[in-house]
Amino acid sequence: MNNQETNHIYPIFDRMLGRADKEELLKQHGLMIWFTGLSGSGKSTITIALERELQQRGLLCRILDGDNIRSGINNNLGFSAEDRVENIRRIAEVGKLFVDTGIITLAAFISPNNEIREMAAGIIGKEDFLEIYVSTPLEECERRDVKGLYAKARRGEIKNFTGISAPFEAPTHPALSLDTSKLSLKESVDQLLDLILPKVIKK
């Protein structure tokens, strides 16, 4: 393959509309809001409520979570250390596409350590990445045990379960920390809106 051919493997990028064009159309800025925390901490509940509030303000959002990712693009991955990293890498790559289209993207994943979250931020772009730590204590998450996962993990039926048989590393400098054992859903969403709206509303 000669140099001329090499330089034009992806010529479509020369013709595609750019991010600024998409953001001008939508009248908003793309942003990734990445929720991390233990299973049962309230990540999905908060993202669903936040999406509704943002939509009511005329802002286009997309939620990415285990249900819509693991059942589709990542349905060939298990829960080994390698597969967990690949799971987050693919999520970040998909998230970057949404953000680059001007869409406010809400990702709710345990993503249990700083290294894996740093990888996601690096793929998406740190200037477009807000890390939200849903810091609900393990005791409260286990008390809720919405899906019965903690009980199974305690019985040894689920291996490498974060918080029980696998570690969770809390973010060192999250943009916001929300403890849903102390904050109501409305209080959590209001804090998020105060943080997000100035960043996404196009002036």
Protein backbone atom coordinates (compact mmCIF):
# COMPACT_ATOMS: atom_id res chain seq x y z
CA MET A 1 0.00 0.00 0.00
CA ASN A 2 1.50 3.36 -0.98
CA ASN A 3 1.47 6.52 1.12
CA GLN A 4 -1.38 8.07 -0.83
CA GLU A 5 -3.58 5.05 -0.19
CA THR A 6 -2.59 4.99 3.49
CA ASN A 7 -3.58 8.63 3.93
CA HIS A 8 -7.06 7.99 2.56
CA ILE A 9 -8.15 4.82 4.34
CA TYR A 10 -10.84 6.83 6.18
CA PRO A 11 -11.74 9.59 3.71
CA ILE A 12 -15.31 9.80 5.05
CA PHE A 13 -14.09 11.88 8.02
CA ASP A 14 -13.25 14.68 5.59
CA ARG A 15 -16.92 14.88 4.57
CA MET A 16 -18.76 14.29 7.86
CA LEU A 17 -20.35 17.17 9.74
CA GLY A 18 -18.43 17.97 12.90
CA ARG A 19 -19.38 18.16 16.54
CA ALA A 20 -19.96 21.92 16.40
CA ASP A 21 -22.56 21.40 13.67
CA LYS A 22 -24.41 18.84 15.82
CA GLU A 23 -24.29 21.02 18.93
CA GLU A 24 -25.59 24.00 16.96
CA LEU A 25 -28.50 21.90 15.72
CA LEU A 26 -29.33 20.61 19.21
CA LYS A 27 -28.57 23.91 21.00
CA GLN A 28 -26.64 22.03 23.67
CA HIS A 29 -23.15 20.80 24.45
CA GLY A 30 -22.32 17.09 24.55
CA LEU A 31 -21.16 15.80 27.94
CA MET A 32 -20.52 12.43 29.62
CA ILE A 33 -21.84 12.12 33.17
CA TRP A 34 -20.27 8.92 34.49
CA PHE A 35 -21.91 7.44 37.61
CA THR A 36 -19.82 5.03 39.65
CA GLY A 37 -20.73 3.24 42.87
CA LEU A 38 -21.63 -0.10 44.33
CA SER A 39 -24.49 -2.26 43.08
CA GLY A 40 -27.66 -0.93 44.72
CA SER A 41 -26.18 2.49 45.46
CA GLY A 42 -28.83 4.25 43.36
CA LYS A 43 -26.94 4.93 40.12
CA SER A 44 -29.69 3.82 37.75
CA THR A 45 -32.47 5.44 39.77
CA ILE A 46 -30.66 8.77 39.70
CA THR A 47 -29.83 8.59 35.99
CA ILE A 48 -33.45 7.85 35.07
CA ALA A 49 -34.72 10.77 37.16
CA LEU A 50 -32.00 13.07 35.80
CA GLU A 51 -32.80 12.12 32.21
CA ARG A 52 -36.43 13.13 32.74
CA GLU A 53 -35.46 16.49 34.24
CA LEU A 54 -33.05 17.25 31.42
CA GLN A 55 -35.61 16.23 28.78
CA GLN A 56 -38.19 18.54 30.36
CA ARG A 57 -35.69 21.34 29.76
CA GLY A 58 -35.44 20.44 26.09
CA LEU A 59 -32.09 18.68 26.38
CA LEU A 60 -31.37 15.42 24.52
CA CYS A 61 -29.92 12.61 26.65
CA ARG A 62 -28.98 8.95 26.33
CA ILE A 63 -28.60 6.52 29.22
CA LEU A 64 -26.01 3.76 29.01
CA ASP A 65 -26.22 1.06 31.68
CA GLY A 66 -25.66 -2.63 32.19
CA ASP A 67 -29.08 -3.59 30.86
CA ASN A 68 -28.77 -1.97 27.44
CA ILE A 69 -25.03 -2.60 27.03
CA ARG A 70 -24.62 -6.15 28.36
CA SER A 71 -27.63 -7.36 26.36
CA GLY A 72 -26.32 -5.88 23.12
CA ILE A 73 -22.86 -4.67 22.15
CA ASN A 74 -21.20 -6.44 25.10
CA ASN A 75 -23.24 -9.65 25.19
CA ASN A 76 -20.11 -11.69 24.42
CA LEU A 77 -18.29 -10.54 27.56
CA GLY A 78 -18.16 -12.23 30.95
CA PHE A 79 -16.99 -10.86 34.29
CA SER A 80 -13.30 -11.73 34.29
CA ALA A 81 -10.87 -8.89 35.00
CA GLU A 82 -10.06 -8.67 31.28
CA ASP A 83 -13.71 -8.68 30.24
CA ARG A 84 -14.57 -5.98 32.78
CA VAL A 85 -11.90 -3.72 31.30
CA GLU A 86 -13.10 -4.43 27.76
CA ASN A 87 -16.69 -3.78 28.88
CA ILE A 88 -15.78 -0.28 30.07
CA ARG A 89 -13.57 0.39 27.04
CA ARG A 90 -16.44 -0.34 24.65
CA ILE A 91 -18.86 1.71 26.75
CA ALA A 92 -16.46 4.64 26.64
CA GLU A 93 -16.05 4.36 22.87
CA VAL A 94 -19.83 4.30 22.39
CA GLY A 95 -20.17 7.18 24.84
CA LYS A 96 -17.65 9.22 22.90
CA LEU A 97 -19.78 8.85 19.76
CA PHE A 98 -22.81 10.21 21.61
CA VAL A 99 -20.87 13.08 23.21
CA ASP A 100 -19.33 14.00 19.86
CA THR A 101 -22.88 14.17 18.48
CA GLY A 102 -23.78 16.75 21.13
CA ILE A 103 -25.79 14.35 23.27
CA ILE A 104 -25.72 14.45 27.08
CA THR A 105 -24.76 10.90 27.96
CA LEU A 106 -25.48 9.34 31.35
CA ALA A 107 -23.43 6.21 32.05
CA ALA A 108 -24.22 4.14 35.15
CA PHE A 109 -21.60 1.45 35.80
CA ILE A 110 -19.88 0.12 38.90
CA SER A 111 -16.49 0.67 37.17
CA PRO A 112 -14.75 -0.31 40.42
CA ASN A 113 -11.34 1.35 40.28
CA ASN A 114 -9.68 4.61 39.35
CA GLU A 115 -7.61 3.04 36.57
CA ILE A 116 -10.64 1.80 34.66
CA ARG A 117 -12.43 5.14 35.08
CA GLU A 118 -9.30 7.01 33.98
CA MET A 119 -9.29 4.85 30.86
CA ALA A 120 -12.89 5.83 30.14
CA ALA A 121 -12.14 9.52 30.72
CA GLY A 122 -9.12 9.30 28.41
CA ILE A 123 -11.18 7.80 25.60
CA ILE A 124 -14.05 10.26 25.92
CA GLY A 125 -11.86 13.29 26.69
CA LYS A 126 -11.41 14.60 30.22
CA GLU A 127 -12.93 17.96 29.32
CA ASP A 128 -16.18 16.14 28.46
CA PHE A 129 -16.16 13.73 31.42
CA LEU A 130 -17.85 14.33 34.78
CA GLU A 131 -17.32 11.59 37.36
CA ILE A 132 -20.18 11.26 39.84
CA TYR A 133 -19.62 9.05 42.86
CA VAL A 134 -22.82 7.55 44.25
CA SER A 135 -21.24 6.96 47.65
CA THR A 136 -24.06 5.05 49.36
CA PRO A 137 -22.41 2.79 52.00
CA LEU A 138 -22.11 -0.95 51.45
CA GLU A 139 -24.40 -1.68 54.43
CA GLU A 140 -27.23 0.33 52.84
CA CYS A 141 -26.66 -1.19 49.39
CA GLU A 142 -26.72 -4.66 50.90
CA ARG A 143 -29.84 -3.85 52.92
CA ARG A 144 -31.65 -2.86 49.73
CA ASP A 145 -30.28 -5.81 47.69
CA VAL A 146 -32.82 -5.09 44.96
CA LYS A 147 -31.71 -7.98 42.73
CA GLY A 148 -30.69 -10.40 45.48
CA LEU A 149 -27.07 -10.23 44.31
CA TYR A 150 -25.47 -9.52 47.67
CA ALA A 151 -27.17 -12.53 49.24
CA LYS A 152 -25.85 -14.74 46.44
CA ALA A 153 -22.38 -13.23 46.79
CA ARG A 154 -22.38 -13.88 50.54
CA ARG A 155 -23.28 -17.51 49.84
CA GLY A 156 -20.41 -17.75 47.35
CA GLU A 157 -22.73 -18.19 44.38
CA ILE A 158 -21.33 -15.08 42.64
CA LYS A 159 -17.57 -14.81 42.44
CA ASN A 160 -15.64 -11.51 42.33
CA PHE A 161 -18.66 -9.48 43.40
CA THR A 162 -17.71 -5.86 43.99
CA GLY A 163 -17.95 -4.87 47.63
CA ILE A 164 -17.99 -8.47 48.90
CA SER A 165 -15.32 -10.59 47.22
CA ALA A 166 -13.82 -7.90 44.97
CA PRO A 167 -12.69 -4.41 45.97
CA PHE A 168 -14.25 -1.07 45.09
CA GLU A 169 -11.92 1.91 44.86
CA ALA A 170 -13.68 5.19 45.61
CA PRO A 171 -12.92 8.10 43.27
CA THR A 172 -10.31 10.49 44.64
CA HIS A 173 -11.68 13.67 43.08
CA PRO A 174 -15.26 13.18 41.83
CA ALA A 175 -17.09 16.17 40.40
CA LEU A 176 -19.88 15.34 42.85
CA SER A 177 -20.50 12.76 45.57
CA LEU A 178 -24.06 11.62 46.37
CA ASP A 179 -24.96 9.40 49.32
CA THR A 180 -28.49 8.20 48.68
CA SER A 181 -28.82 6.95 52.26
CA LYS A 182 -28.79 10.63 53.28
CA LEU A 183 -30.08 12.46 50.20
CA SER A 184 -33.54 12.13 48.68
CA LEU A 185 -33.79 11.45 44.97
CA LYS A 186 -34.88 15.06 44.38
CA GLU A 187 -31.94 16.40 46.38
CA SER A 188 -29.53 14.26 44.38
CA VAL A 189 -31.00 15.35 41.05
CA ASP A 190 -31.07 19.02 42.07
CA GLN A 191 -27.36 18.89 42.91
CA LEU A 192 -26.66 17.29 39.55
CA LEU A 193 -28.69 19.89 37.67
CA ASP A 194 -26.75 22.69 39.39
CA LEU A 195 -23.53 21.06 38.19
CA ILE A 196 -24.59 20.05 34.68
CA LEU A 197 -26.85 22.76 33.30
CA PRO A 198 -24.19 25.50 33.05
CA LYS A 199 -22.01 23.06 31.10
CA VAL A 200 -24.57 21.82 28.58
CA ILE A 201 -26.84 24.77 27.77
CA LYS A 202 -25.57 26.44 24.62
CA LYS A 203 -25.53 30.24 24.86
